[in-house]
PDB file of N, CA and C in Angstrom:
ATOM      1  N   MET A   1     112.724  99.131 112.796  1.00  0.00           N
ATOM      2  CA  MET A   1     113.686  97.962 112.651  1.00  0.00           C
ATOM      3  C   MET A   1     113.667  97.690 111.096  1.00  0.00           C
ATOM      4  N   SER A   2     114.936  97.190 110.698  1.00  0.00           N
ATOM      5  CA  SER A   2     115.232  97.127 109.465  1.00  0.00           C
ATOM      6  C   SER A   2     114.631  95.892 108.749  1.00  0.00           C
ATOM      7  N   LEU A   3     114.607  95.542 107.541  1.00  0.00           N
ATOM      8  CA  LEU A   3     113.970  94.467 106.854  1.00  0.00           C
ATOM      9  C   LEU A   3     114.742  93.182 107.435  1.00  0.00           C
ATOM     10  N   ALA A   4     115.924  93.248 107.280  1.00  0.00           N
ATOM     11  CA  ALA A   4     116.700  92.104 107.716  1.00  0.00           C
ATOM     12  C   ALA A   4     116.366  91.781 109.232  1.00  0.00           C
ATOM     13  N   ASP A   5     116.250  92.615 110.166  1.00  0.00           N
ATOM     14  CA  ASP A   5     115.915  92.456 111.419  1.00  0.00           C
ATOM     15  C   ASP A   5     114.454  91.729 111.576  1.00  0.00           C
ATOM     16  N   ARG A   6     113.545  92.388 110.851  1.00  0.00           N
ATOM     17  CA  ARG A   6     112.199  92.048 110.833  1.00  0.00           C
ATOM     18  C   ARG A   6     112.038  90.535 110.504  1.00  0.00           C
ATOM     19  N   VAL A   7     112.656  90.130 109.385  1.00  0.00           N
ATOM     20  CA  VAL A   7     112.670  88.724 108.784  1.00  0.00           C
ATOM     21  C   VAL A   7     113.441  87.709 109.798  1.00  0.00           C
ATOM     22  N   ASN A   8     114.562  88.149 110.400  1.00  0.00           N
ATOM     23  CA  ASN A   8     115.173  87.253 111.381  1.00  0.00           C
ATOM     24  C   ASN A   8     114.193  87.095 112.613  1.00  0.00           C
ATOM     25  N   LEU A   9     113.639  88.195 112.911  1.00  0.00           N
ATOM     26  CA  LEU A   9     112.728  88.065 114.251  1.00  0.00           C
ATOM     27  C   LEU A   9     111.378  87.130 113.884  1.00  0.00           C
ATOM     28  N   LEU A  10     111.027  87.313 112.452  1.00  0.00           N
ATOM     29  CA  LEU A  10     109.848  86.440 112.178  1.00  0.00           C
ATOM     30  C   LEU A  10     110.192  85.054 112.165  1.00  0.00           C
ATOM     31  N   SER A  11     111.443  84.834 111.528  1.00  0.00           N
ATOM     32  CA  SER A  11     112.034  83.438 111.402  1.00  0.00           C
ATOM     33  C   SER A  11     112.268  82.670 112.662  1.00  0.00           C
ATOM     34  N   ASP A  12     112.924  83.651 113.613  1.00  0.00           N
ATOM     35  CA  ASP A  12     113.340  82.973 114.832  1.00  0.00           C
ATOM     36  C   ASP A  12     112.053  82.614 115.719  1.00  0.00           C
ATOM     37  N   THR A  13     110.997  83.572 115.646  1.00  0.00           N
ATOM     38  CA  THR A  13     109.718  83.378 116.369  1.00  0.00           C
ATOM     39  C   THR A  13     109.010  82.139 115.788  1.00  0.00           C
ATOM     40  N   TRP A  14     109.072  81.967 114.520  1.00  0.00           N
ATOM     41  CA  TRP A  14     108.447  80.854 113.943  1.00  0.00           C
ATOM     42  C   TRP A  14     109.069  79.549 114.165  1.00  0.00           C
ATOM     43  N   ALA A  15     110.361  79.560 114.253  1.00  0.00           N
ATOM     44  CA  ALA A  15     111.097  78.268 114.708  1.00  0.00           C
ATOM     45  C   ALA A  15     110.741  78.008 116.154  1.00  0.00           C
ATOM     46  N   LEU A  16     110.487  78.833 117.103  1.00  0.00           N
ATOM     47  CA  LEU A  16     110.166  78.693 118.395  1.00  0.00           C
ATOM     48  C   LEU A  16     108.824  78.062 118.439  1.00  0.00           C
ATOM     49  N   VAL A  17     108.081  78.606 117.630  1.00  0.00           N
ATOM     50  CA  VAL A  17     106.584  78.086 117.503  1.00  0.00           C
ATOM     51  C   VAL A  17     106.665  76.540 117.064  1.00  0.00           C
ATOM     52  N   GLN A  18     107.503  76.132 116.179  1.00  0.00           N
ATOM     53  CA  GLN A  18     107.605  74.809 115.565  1.00  0.00           C
ATOM     54  C   GLN A  18     108.245  73.967 116.434  1.00  0.00           C
ATOM     55  N   ALA A  19     109.116  74.575 117.374  1.00  0.00           N
ATOM     56  CA  ALA A  19     109.847  73.598 118.368  1.00  0.00           C
ATOM     57  C   ALA A  19     108.968  73.638 119.682  1.00  0.00           C
ATOM     58  N   ASN A  20     107.785  74.063 119.533  1.00  0.00           N
ATOM     59  CA  ASN A  20     106.938  74.124 120.784  1.00  0.00           C
ATOM     60  C   ASN A  20     107.423  74.818 121.837  1.00  0.00           C
ATOM     61  N   ARG A  21     108.179  76.019 121.756  1.00  0.00           N
ATOM     62  CA  ARG A  21     109.008  76.724 122.727  1.00  0.00           C
ATOM     63  C   ARG A  21     108.201  78.025 122.982  1.00  0.00           C
ATOM     64  N   ALA A  22     107.231  78.344 121.917  1.00  0.00           N
ATOM     65  CA  ALA A  22     106.392  79.590 121.895  1.00  0.00           C
ATOM     66  C   ALA A  22     104.926  79.172 121.492  1.00  0.00           C
ATOM     67  N   PRO A  23     103.946  79.806 121.989  1.00  0.00           N
ATOM     68  CA  PRO A  23     102.706  79.560 121.288  1.00  0.00           C
ATOM     69  C   PRO A  23     102.618  80.243 120.125  1.00  0.00           C
ATOM     70  N   LEU A  24     101.579  79.748 119.343  1.00  0.00           N
ATOM     71  CA  LEU A  24     101.483  80.346 117.989  1.00  0.00           C
ATOM     72  C   LEU A  24     101.010  81.833 118.067  1.00  0.00           C
ATOM     73  N   ALA A  25     100.265  82.078 118.905  1.00  0.00           N
ATOM     74  CA  ALA A  25      99.868  83.493 119.394  1.00  0.00           C
ATOM     75  C   ALA A  25     100.907  84.582 119.400  1.00  0.00           C
ATOM     76  N   THR A  26     102.076  84.041 119.674  1.00  0.00           N
ATOM     77  CA  THR A  26     103.321  85.067 119.733  1.00  0.00           C
ATOM     78  C   THR A  26     103.597  85.357 118.303  1.00  0.00           C
ATOM     79  N   TYR A  27     103.655  84.489 117.503  1.00  0.00           N
ATOM     80  CA  TYR A  27     104.000  84.787 115.990  1.00  0.00           C
ATOM     81  C   TYR A  27     102.822  85.611 115.411  1.00  0.00           C
ATOM     82  N   ILE A  28     101.633  85.308 115.654  1.00  0.00           N
ATOM     83  CA  ILE A  28     100.436  86.094 115.153  1.00  0.00           C
ATOM     84  C   ILE A  28     100.468  87.451 115.582  1.00  0.00           C
ATOM     85  N   ARG A  29     100.800  87.573 116.928  1.00  0.00           N
ATOM     86  CA  ARG A  29     101.060  88.930 117.439  1.00  0.00           C
ATOM     87  C   ARG A  29     102.190  89.859 116.622  1.00  0.00           C
ATOM     88  N   LEU A  30     103.315  89.064 116.424  1.00  0.00           N
ATOM     89  CA  LEU A  30     104.360  89.647 115.643  1.00  0.00           C
ATOM     90  C   LEU A  30     103.950  90.069 114.142  1.00  0.00           C
ATOM     91  N   VAL A  31     103.080  89.132 113.448  1.00  0.00           N
ATOM     92  CA  VAL A  31     102.727  89.576 112.210  1.00  0.00           C
ATOM     93  C   VAL A  31     101.766  90.727 112.343  1.00  0.00           C
ATOM     94  N   SER A  32     100.865  90.832 113.462  1.00  0.00           N
ATOM     95  CA  SER A  32     100.059  92.068 113.555  1.00  0.00           C
ATOM     96  C   SER A  32     100.693  93.421 113.641  1.00  0.00           C
ATOM     97  N   LYS A  33     101.966  93.347 114.074  1.00  0.00           N
ATOM     98  CA  LYS A  33     102.794  94.587 114.163  1.00  0.00           C
ATOM     99  C   LYS A  33     103.717  94.947 113.036  1.00  0.00           C
ATOM    100  N   LEU A  34     103.703  94.137 111.964  1.00  0.00           N
ATOM    101  CA  LEU A  34     104.495  94.459 110.641  1.00  0.00           C
ATOM    102  C   LEU A  34     104.031  95.561 110.046  1.00  0.00           C
ATOM    103  N   PRO A  35     105.078  96.415 109.500  1.00  0.00           N
ATOM    104  CA  PRO A  35     104.622  97.585 108.743  1.00  0.00           C
ATOM    105  C   PRO A  35     104.049  97.305 107.494  1.00  0.00           C
ATOM    106  N   ALA A  36     103.269  98.098 106.973  1.00  0.00           N
ATOM    107  CA  ALA A  36     102.475  97.939 105.730  1.00  0.00           C
ATOM    108  C   ALA A  36     103.528  98.115 104.483  1.00  0.00           C
ATOM    109  N   THR A  37     104.308  97.359 104.310  1.00  0.00           N
ATOM    110  CA  THR A  37     105.367  97.449 103.346  1.00  0.00           C
ATOM    111  C   THR A  37     104.829  96.221 102.256  1.00  0.00           C
ATOM    112  N   ILE A  38     105.637  96.477 100.990  1.00  0.00           N
ATOM    113  CA  ILE A  38     105.677  95.393 100.001  1.00  0.00           C
ATOM    114  C   ILE A  38     106.893  94.797  99.876  1.00  0.00           C
ATOM    115  N   GLU A  39     107.713  94.351 100.893  1.00  0.00           N
ATOM    116  CA  GLU A  39     108.965  93.734 100.751  1.00  0.00           C
ATOM    117  C   GLU A  39     108.840  92.393 100.757  1.00  0.00           C
ATOM    118  N   LEU A  40     109.302  91.653  99.894  1.00  0.00           N
ATOM    119  CA  LEU A  40     109.198  90.319  99.523  1.00  0.00           C
ATOM    120  C   LEU A  40     109.718  89.531 100.663  1.00  0.00           C
ATOM    121  N   PRO A  41     110.902  89.720 101.201  1.00  0.00           N
ATOM    122  CA  PRO A  41     111.358  88.672 102.298  1.00  0.00           C
ATOM    123  C   PRO A  41     110.529  88.681 103.402  1.00  0.00           C
ATOM    124  N   GLN A  42     109.951  89.660 103.867  1.00  0.00           N
ATOM    125  CA  GLN A  42     109.094  89.908 105.063  1.00  0.00           C
ATOM    126  C   GLN A  42     107.711  89.081 104.809  1.00  0.00           C
ATOM    127  N   TRP A  43     107.236  89.285 103.628  1.00  0.00           N
ATOM    128  CA  TRP A  43     105.890  88.540 103.413  1.00  0.00           C
ATOM    129  C   TRP A  43     106.186  87.129 102.946  1.00  0.00           C
ATOM    130  N   ASP A  44     107.373  86.920 102.408  1.00  0.00           N
ATOM    131  CA  ASP A  44     107.568  85.304 102.015  1.00  0.00           C
ATOM    132  C   ASP A  44     107.532  84.568 103.239  1.00  0.00           C
ATOM    133  N   GLN A  45     108.250  85.171 104.255  1.00  0.00           N
ATOM    134  CA  GLN A  45     108.380  84.416 105.551  1.00  0.00           C
ATOM    135  C   GLN A  45     107.044  83.988 106.102  1.00  0.00           C
ATOM    136  N   VAL A  46     106.071  85.057 106.035  1.00  0.00           N
ATOM    137  CA  VAL A  46     104.718  85.116 106.700  1.00  0.00           C
ATOM    138  C   VAL A  46     103.894  83.972 105.747  1.00  0.00           C
ATOM    139  N   MET A  47     104.160  84.212 104.599  1.00  0.00           N
ATOM    140  CA  MET A  47     103.338  83.096 103.409  1.00  0.00           C
ATOM    141  C   MET A  47     103.734  81.709 103.758  1.00  0.00           C
ATOM    142  N   THR A  48     105.109  81.465 103.975  1.00  0.00           N
ATOM    143  CA  THR A  48     105.576  80.117 104.291  1.00  0.00           C
ATOM    144  C   THR A  48     104.818  79.535 105.499  1.00  0.00           C
ATOM    145  N   ALA A  49     105.033  80.453 106.632  1.00  0.00           N
ATOM    146  CA  ALA A  49     104.356  80.062 107.895  1.00  0.00           C
ATOM    147  C   ALA A  49     102.941  79.720 107.703  1.00  0.00           C
ATOM    148  N   PHE A  50     102.221  80.695 107.144  1.00  0.00           N
ATOM    149  CA  PHE A  50     100.678  80.495 106.952  1.00  0.00           C
ATOM    150  C   PHE A  50     100.379  79.200 106.128  1.00  0.00           C
ATOM    151  N   ASP A  51     101.251  79.000 104.953  1.00  0.00           N
ATOM    152  CA  ASP A  51     101.042  77.822 104.350  1.00  0.00           C
ATOM    153  C   ASP A  51     101.134  76.488 105.135  1.00  0.00           C
ATOM    154  N   TYR A  52     102.176  76.431 106.120  1.00  0.00           N
ATOM    155  CA  TYR A  52     102.387  75.384 106.875  1.00  0.00           C
ATOM    156  C   TYR A  52     101.275  75.266 107.852  1.00  0.00           C
ATOM    157  N   ILE A  53     100.741  76.257 108.534  1.00  0.00           N
ATOM    158  CA  ILE A  53      99.601  76.242 109.348  1.00  0.00           C
ATOM    159  C   ILE A  53      98.511  75.783 108.630  1.00  0.00           C
ATOM    160  N   GLU A  54      98.125  76.219 107.487  1.00  0.00           N
ATOM    161  CA  GLU A  54      96.931  75.904 106.799  1.00  0.00           C
ATOM    162  C   GLU A  54      97.077  74.525 106.348  1.00  0.00           C
ATOM    163  N   ARG A  55      98.036  73.838 105.997  1.00  0.00           N
ATOM    164  CA  ARG A  55      98.165  72.438 105.639  1.00  0.00           C
ATOM    165  C   ARG A  55      98.009  71.511 106.872  1.00  0.00           C
ATOM    166  N   LEU A  56      98.440  72.078 108.030  1.00  0.00           N
ATOM    167  CA  LEU A  56      98.235  71.246 109.223  1.00  0.00           C
ATOM    168  C   LEU A  56      96.881  71.267 109.812  1.00  0.00           C
ATOM    169  N   LEU A  57      96.142  72.129 109.307  1.00  0.00           N
ATOM    170  CA  LEU A  57      94.777  72.296 109.665  1.00  0.00           C
ATOM    171  C   LEU A  57      93.652  71.602 108.695  1.00  0.00           C
ATOM    172  N   ALA A  58      94.163  71.044 107.689  1.00  0.00           N
ATOM    173  CA  ALA A  58      93.450  70.177 106.708  1.00  0.00           C
ATOM    174  C   ALA A  58      92.387  69.330 107.426  1.00  0.00           C
ATOM    175  N   GLY A  59      91.126  69.421 107.037  1.00  0.00           N
ATOM    176  CA  GLY A  59      90.392  68.531 107.777  1.00  0.00           C
ATOM    177  C   GLY A  59      89.785  69.027 108.963  1.00  0.00           C
ATOM    178  N   GLN A  60      90.298  69.929 109.674  1.00  0.00           N
ATOM    179  CA  GLN A  60      90.036  70.532 110.864  1.00  0.00           C
ATOM    180  C   GLN A  60      88.918  71.727 110.798  1.00  0.00           C
ATOM    181  N   PRO A  61      87.991  71.705 111.827  1.00  0.00           N
ATOM    182  CA  PRO A  61      87.133  72.963 111.671  1.00  0.00           C
ATOM    183  C   PRO A  61      87.664  74.391 111.824  1.00  0.00           C
ATOM    184  N   GLU A  62      88.913  74.421 112.533  1.00  0.00           N
ATOM    185  CA  GLU A  62      89.495  75.705 112.509  1.00  0.00           C
ATOM    186  C   GLU A  62      90.167  76.195 111.137  1.00  0.00           C
ATOM    187  N   ARG A  63      90.068  75.334 110.273  1.00  0.00           N
ATOM    188  CA  ARG A  63      90.852  75.651 108.975  1.00  0.00           C
ATOM    189  C   ARG A  63      90.215  76.962 108.392  1.00  0.00           C
ATOM    190  N   ASP A  64      89.070  76.960 108.377  1.00  0.00           N
ATOM    191  CA  ASP A  64      88.286  78.106 107.724  1.00  0.00           C
ATOM    192  C   ASP A  64      88.486  79.388 108.389  1.00  0.00           C
ATOM    193  N   LYS A  65      88.384  79.393 109.769  1.00  0.00           N
ATOM    194  CA  LYS A  65      88.820  80.462 110.621  1.00  0.00           C
ATOM    195  C   LYS A  65      90.155  80.891 110.372  1.00  0.00           C
ATOM    196  N   PHE A  66      91.228  79.944 110.211  1.00  0.00           N
ATOM    197  CA  PHE A  66      92.497  80.437 109.987  1.00  0.00           C
ATOM    198  C   PHE A  66      92.613  81.154 108.690  1.00  0.00           C
ATOM    199  N   GLN A  67      92.020  80.383 107.695  1.00  0.00           N
ATOM    200  CA  GLN A  67      91.947  81.097 106.300  1.00  0.00           C
ATOM    201  C   GLN A  67      91.492  82.462 106.308  1.00  0.00           C
ATOM    202  N   GLN A  68      90.464  82.770 106.794  1.00  0.00           N
ATOM    203  CA  GLN A  68      89.978  83.971 106.994  1.00  0.00           C
ATOM    204  C   GLN A  68      90.878  85.163 107.502  1.00  0.00           C
ATOM    205  N   TYR A  69      91.444  84.709 108.625  1.00  0.00           N
ATOM    206  CA  TYR A  69      92.485  85.449 109.380  1.00  0.00           C
ATOM    207  C   TYR A  69      93.801  85.648 108.376  1.00  0.00           C
ATOM    208  N   ALA A  70      94.172  84.691 107.658  1.00  0.00           N
ATOM    209  CA  ALA A  70      95.404  84.848 106.733  1.00  0.00           C
ATOM    210  C   ALA A  70      94.853  85.763 105.599  1.00  0.00           C
ATOM    211  N   ARG A  71      93.839  85.418 105.204  1.00  0.00           N
ATOM    212  CA  ARG A  71      93.433  86.373 103.980  1.00  0.00           C
ATOM    213  C   ARG A  71      93.351  87.825 104.393  1.00  0.00           C
ATOM    214  N   LEU A  72      92.929  88.215 105.708  1.00  0.00           N
ATOM    215  CA  LEU A  72      92.869  89.440 106.036  1.00  0.00           C
ATOM    216  C   LEU A  72      94.210  90.050 106.352  1.00  0.00           C
ATOM    217  N   VAL A  73      95.274  89.204 106.495  1.00  0.00           N
ATOM    218  CA  VAL A  73      96.679  89.776 106.797  1.00  0.00           C
ATOM    219  C   VAL A  73      97.120  89.914 105.339  1.00  0.00           C
ATOM    220  N   LEU A  74      96.985  89.075 104.411  1.00  0.00           N
ATOM    221  CA  LEU A  74      97.679  89.029 103.010  1.00  0.00           C
ATOM    222  C   LEU A  74      96.989  90.024 102.042  1.00  0.00           C
ATOM    223  N   ARG A  75      95.672  90.125 102.164  1.00  0.00           N
ATOM    224  CA  ARG A  75      94.958  90.873 101.118  1.00  0.00           C
ATOM    225  C   ARG A  75      95.317  92.344 100.990  1.00  0.00           C
ATOM    226  N   PRO A  76      95.585  93.037 102.195  1.00  0.00           N
ATOM    227  CA  PRO A  76      96.092  94.342 101.852  1.00  0.00           C
ATOM    228  C   PRO A  76      97.299  94.432 101.259  1.00  0.00           C
ATOM    229  N   VAL A  77      98.281  93.453 101.455  1.00  0.00           N
ATOM    230  CA  VAL A  77      99.552  93.542 100.670  1.00  0.00           C
ATOM    231  C   VAL A  77      99.235  93.476  99.248  1.00  0.00           C
ATOM    232  N   PHE A  78      98.351  92.450  99.008  1.00  0.00           N
ATOM    233  CA  PHE A  78      98.067  92.299  97.559  1.00  0.00           C
ATOM    234  C   PHE A  78      97.453  93.490  96.847  1.00  0.00           C
ATOM    235  N   GLU A  79      96.410  93.984  97.750  1.00  0.00           N
ATOM    236  CA  GLU A  79      95.901  95.407  97.064  1.00  0.00           C
ATOM    237  C   GLU A  79      96.891  96.420  96.854  1.00  0.00           C
ATOM    238  N   ARG A  80      97.948  96.598  97.589  1.00  0.00           N
ATOM    239  CA  ARG A  80      99.039  97.485  97.222  1.00  0.00           C
ATOM    240  C   ARG A  80      99.889  97.130  95.971  1.00  0.00           C
ATOM    241  N   VAL A  81     100.124  95.779  95.601  1.00  0.00           N
ATOM    242  CA  VAL A  81     100.881  95.367  94.518  1.00  0.00           C
ATOM    243  C   VAL A  81      99.943  95.312  93.176  1.00  0.00           C
ATOM    244  N   GLY A  82      98.688  94.901  93.590  1.00  0.00           N
ATOM    245  CA  GLY A  82      97.784  94.692  92.297  1.00  0.00           C
ATOM    246  C   GLY A  82      98.053  93.753  91.467  1.00  0.00           C
ATOM    247  N   TRP A  83      97.200  93.529  90.556  1.00  0.00           N
ATOM    248  CA  TRP A  83      97.420  92.412  89.455  1.00  0.00           C
ATOM    249  C   TRP A  83      98.392  92.921  88.509  1.00  0.00           C
ATOM    250  N   ASP A  84      98.441  93.975  88.103  1.00  0.00           N
ATOM    251  CA  ASP A  84      99.201  94.509  87.100  1.00  0.00           C
ATOM    252  C   ASP A  84     100.531  95.232  87.520  1.00  0.00           C
ATOM    253  N   PRO A  85     101.706  94.908  86.767  1.00  0.00           N
ATOM    254  CA  PRO A  85     102.898  95.451  87.351  1.00  0.00           C
ATOM    255  C   PRO A  85     102.756  97.098  86.916  1.00  0.00           C
ATOM    256  N   LYS A  86     103.516  97.956  87.758  1.00  0.00           N
ATOM    257  CA  LYS A  86     103.660  99.379  87.619  1.00  0.00           C
ATOM    258  C   LYS A  86     105.133  99.599  86.745  1.00  0.00           C
ATOM    259  N   THR A  87     105.018 100.513  86.147  1.00  0.00           N
ATOM    260  CA  THR A  87     106.287 100.716  85.191  1.00  0.00           C
ATOM    261  C   THR A  87     107.443 100.985  86.011  1.00  0.00           C
ATOM    262  N   ASP A  88     107.407 101.306  87.186  1.00  0.00           N
ATOM    263  CA  ASP A  88     108.588 101.850  88.101  1.00  0.00           C
ATOM    264  C   ASP A  88     108.892 100.781  89.232  1.00  0.00           C
ATOM    265  N   GLU A  89     108.036  99.697  89.340  1.00  0.00           N
ATOM    266  CA  GLU A  89     108.331  98.800  90.480  1.00  0.00           C
ATOM    267  C   GLU A  89     109.429  98.001  90.514  1.00  0.00           C
ATOM    268  N   ALA A  90     109.829  97.668  91.790  1.00  0.00           N
ATOM    269  CA  ALA A  90     111.011  96.776  91.969  1.00  0.00           C
ATOM    270  C   ALA A  90     110.807  95.530  91.408  1.00  0.00           C
ATOM    271  N   SER A  91     111.858  94.843  90.817  1.00  0.00           N
ATOM    272  CA  SER A  91     111.795  93.559  90.177  1.00  0.00           C
ATOM    273  C   SER A  91     111.255  92.521  91.014  1.00  0.00           C
ATOM    274  N   ASN A  92     111.486  92.574  92.426  1.00  0.00           N
ATOM    275  CA  ASN A  92     111.028  91.540  93.190  1.00  0.00           C
ATOM    276  C   ASN A  92     109.451  91.605  93.630  1.00  0.00           C
ATOM    277  N   THR A  93     108.774  92.597  93.183  1.00  0.00           N
ATOM    278  CA  THR A  93     107.423  92.908  93.369  1.00  0.00           C
ATOM    279  C   THR A  93     106.636  91.991  92.549  1.00  0.00           C
ATOM    280  N   ALA A  94     107.172  91.806  91.241  1.00  0.00           N
ATOM    281  CA  ALA A  94     106.530  90.712  90.562  1.00  0.00           C
ATOM    282  C   ALA A  94     106.352  89.307  91.242  1.00  0.00           C
ATOM    283  N   THR A  95     107.555  88.876  91.767  1.00  0.00           N
ATOM    284  CA  THR A  95     107.638  87.817  92.485  1.00  0.00           C
ATOM    285  C   THR A  95     106.584  87.862  93.727  1.00  0.00           C
ATOM    286  N   LEU A  96     106.543  88.748  94.446  1.00  0.00           N
ATOM    287  CA  LEU A  96     105.738  88.905  95.730  1.00  0.00           C
ATOM    288  C   LEU A  96     104.317  88.761  95.079  1.00  0.00           C
ATOM    289  N   ARG A  97     103.995  89.422  93.963  1.00  0.00           N
ATOM    290  CA  ARG A  97     102.421  89.431  93.472  1.00  0.00           C
ATOM    291  C   ARG A  97     102.167  87.972  92.951  1.00  0.00           C
ATOM    292  N   GLY A  98     103.022  87.297  92.466  1.00  0.00           N
ATOM    293  CA  GLY A  98     102.859  85.847  92.021  1.00  0.00           C
ATOM    294  C   GLY A  98     102.653  84.899  93.433  1.00  0.00           C
ATOM    295  N   ASN A  99     103.547  85.099  94.381  1.00  0.00           N
ATOM    296  CA  ASN A  99     103.488  84.370  95.536  1.00  0.00           C
ATOM    297  C   ASN A  99     102.191  84.763  96.216  1.00  0.00           C
ATOM    298  N   LEU A 100     101.736  85.994  96.315  1.00  0.00           N
ATOM    299  CA  LEU A 100     100.572  86.431  96.897  1.00  0.00           C
ATOM    300  C   LEU A 100      99.301  85.865  96.370  1.00  0.00           C
ATOM    301  N   ILE A 101      99.277  85.794  94.959  1.00  0.00           N
ATOM    302  CA  ILE A 101      98.137  85.272  94.320  1.00  0.00           C
ATOM    303  C   ILE A 101      98.230  83.748  94.706  1.00  0.00           C
ATOM    304  N   GLY A 102      99.121  83.003  94.695  1.00  0.00           N
ATOM    305  CA  GLY A 102      99.197  81.734  94.846  1.00  0.00           C
ATOM    306  C   GLY A 102      98.670  81.426  96.328  1.00  0.00           C
ATOM    307  N   SER A 103      99.347  82.129  97.331  1.00  0.00           N
ATOM    308  CA  SER A 103      98.882  82.047  98.785  1.00  0.00           C
ATOM    309  C   SER A 103      97.291  82.309  98.996  1.00  0.00           C
ATOM    310  N   LEU A 104      96.813  83.422  98.421  1.00  0.00           N
ATOM    311  CA  LEU A 104      95.554  83.865  98.592  1.00  0.00           C
ATOM    312  C   LEU A 104      94.701  82.759  97.867  1.00  0.00           C
ATOM    313  N   GLY A 105      95.069  82.303  96.712  1.00  0.00           N
ATOM    314  CA  GLY A 105      94.325  81.180  96.108  1.00  0.00           C
ATOM    315  C   GLY A 105      94.179  79.866  96.869  1.00  0.00           C
ATOM    316  N   LYS A 106      95.273  79.504  97.595  1.00  0.00           N
ATOM    317  CA  LYS A 106      95.251  78.375  98.319  1.00  0.00           C
ATOM    318  C   LYS A 106      94.410  78.672  99.740  1.00  0.00           C
ATOM    319  N   LEU A 107      94.271  79.965 100.082  1.00  0.00           N
ATOM    320  CA  LEU A 107      93.462  80.367 101.245  1.00  0.00           C
ATOM    321  C   LEU A 107      91.942  80.806 100.874  1.00  0.00           C
ATOM    322  N   ASN A 108      91.520  80.240  99.572  1.00  0.00           N
ATOM    323  CA  ASN A 108      90.142  80.330  99.190  1.00  0.00           C
ATOM    324  C   ASN A 108      89.657  81.858  99.005  1.00  0.00           C
ATOM    325  N   ASP A 109      90.497  82.889  98.680  1.00  0.00           N
ATOM    326  CA  ASP A 109      90.047  84.170  98.478  1.00  0.00           C
ATOM    327  C   ASP A 109      89.244  84.108  97.284  1.00  0.00           C
ATOM    328  N   PRO A 110      87.860  84.388  97.280  1.00  0.00           N
ATOM    329  CA  PRO A 110      87.068  84.290  96.150  1.00  0.00           C
ATOM    330  C   PRO A 110      87.424  85.491  95.070  1.00  0.00           C
ATOM    331  N   ASP A 111      87.851  86.621  95.496  1.00  0.00           N
ATOM    332  CA  ASP A 111      88.199  87.445  94.471  1.00  0.00           C
ATOM    333  C   ASP A 111      89.456  87.224  93.789  1.00  0.00           C
ATOM    334  N   ILE A 112      90.492  86.602  94.342  1.00  0.00           N
ATOM    335  CA  ILE A 112      91.773  86.065  93.714  1.00  0.00           C
ATOM    336  C   ILE A 112      91.403  85.069  92.819  1.00  0.00           C
ATOM    337  N   ILE A 113      90.625  84.063  93.373  1.00  0.00           N
ATOM    338  CA  ILE A 113      90.315  82.831  92.508  1.00  0.00           C
ATOM    339  C   ILE A 113      89.588  83.454  91.167  1.00  0.00           C
ATOM    340  N   SER A 114      88.560  84.267  91.370  1.00  0.00           N
ATOM    341  CA  SER A 114      87.707  84.677  90.243  1.00  0.00           C
ATOM    342  C   SER A 114      88.660  85.627  89.296  1.00  0.00           C
ATOM    343  N   GLY A 115      89.541  86.399  89.664  1.00  0.00           N
ATOM    344  CA  GLY A 115      90.393  87.377  89.151  1.00  0.00           C
ATOM    345  C   GLY A 115      91.364  86.247  88.230  1.00  0.00           C
ATOM    346  N   ALA A 116      91.830  85.260  88.714  1.00  0.00           N
ATOM    347  CA  ALA A 116      92.723  84.424  88.255  1.00  0.00           C
ATOM    348  C   ALA A 116      92.031  83.581  87.010  1.00  0.00           C
ATOM    349  N   ARG A 117      90.770  83.325  87.179  1.00  0.00           N
ATOM    350  CA  ARG A 117      90.082  82.699  86.278  1.00  0.00           C
ATOM    351  C   ARG A 117      89.747  83.423  84.961  1.00  0.00           C
ATOM    352  N   GLU A 118      89.487  84.762  85.272  1.00  0.00           N
ATOM    353  CA  GLU A 118      89.099  85.645  84.393  1.00  0.00           C
ATOM    354  C   GLU A 118      90.367  85.909  83.407  1.00  0.00           C
ATOM    355  N   ARG A 119      91.558  86.170  84.149  1.00  0.00           N
ATOM    356  CA  ARG A 119      92.665  86.264  83.349  1.00  0.00           C
ATOM    357  C   ARG A 119      93.322  85.124  82.534  1.00  0.00           C
ATOM    358  N   PHE A 120      92.928  84.028  83.145  1.00  0.00           N
ATOM    359  CA  PHE A 120      93.408  82.736  82.353  1.00  0.00           C
ATOM    360  C   PHE A 120      92.393  82.693  81.102  1.00  0.00           C
ATOM    361  N   GLN A 121      91.094  82.957  81.294  1.00  0.00           N
ATOM    362  CA  GLN A 121      90.098  82.952  80.169  1.00  0.00           C
ATOM    363  C   GLN A 121      90.527  83.839  79.147  1.00  0.00           C
ATOM    364  N   LYS A 122      90.909  85.108  79.533  1.00  0.00           N
ATOM    365  CA  LYS A 122      91.244  86.089  78.523  1.00  0.00           C
ATOM    366  C   LYS A 122      92.501  85.621  77.770  1.00  0.00           C
ATOM    367  N   SER A 123      93.339  85.101  78.467  1.00  0.00           N
ATOM    368  CA  SER A 123      94.632  84.538  77.750  1.00  0.00           C
ATOM    369  C   SER A 123      94.325  83.491  76.744  1.00  0.00           C
ATOM    370  N   LEU A 124      93.355  82.607  76.959  1.00  0.00           N
ATOM    371  CA  LEU A 124      92.795  81.644  75.982  1.00  0.00           C
ATOM    372  C   LEU A 124      92.129  82.340  74.696  1.00  0.00           C
ATOM    373  N   ASP A 125      91.473  83.386  75.149  1.00  0.00           N
ATOM    374  CA  ASP A 125      90.698  84.184  73.986  1.00  0.00           C
ATOM    375  C   ASP A 125      91.469  84.800  73.040  1.00  0.00           C
ATOM    376  N   GLU A 126      92.807  85.320  73.531  1.00  0.00           N
ATOM    377  CA  GLU A 126      93.511  86.089  72.771  1.00  0.00           C
ATOM    378  C   GLU A 126      94.089  85.306  71.598  1.00  0.00           C
TER     379      GLU A 126
END
């Protein structure tokens, strides 16, 4: 399936979930079948949905479990893009990297939070 088709399918499925026409499990199953790519549009759609769910769960006991799940989905993508840009990477990979760092930070990923703090402190020391 092409990138455009994947993003459209994700968006349409998420819209059905939001309209209470499909269970969240349908969207989650779809996310689990995504190819291991580093394509910004695909992962931006997922991060947007995850952010929405995470905010809905504020103060709920299920929030920690969801955060753990979302980290398991997004962390492998971050591992592929890494903290530092590659010389030949696509221009939108930097955007993906920043979005992943932001999302994983909101999802309480301890390695991302620690890495961001280290990099911030290093920038202050320079």
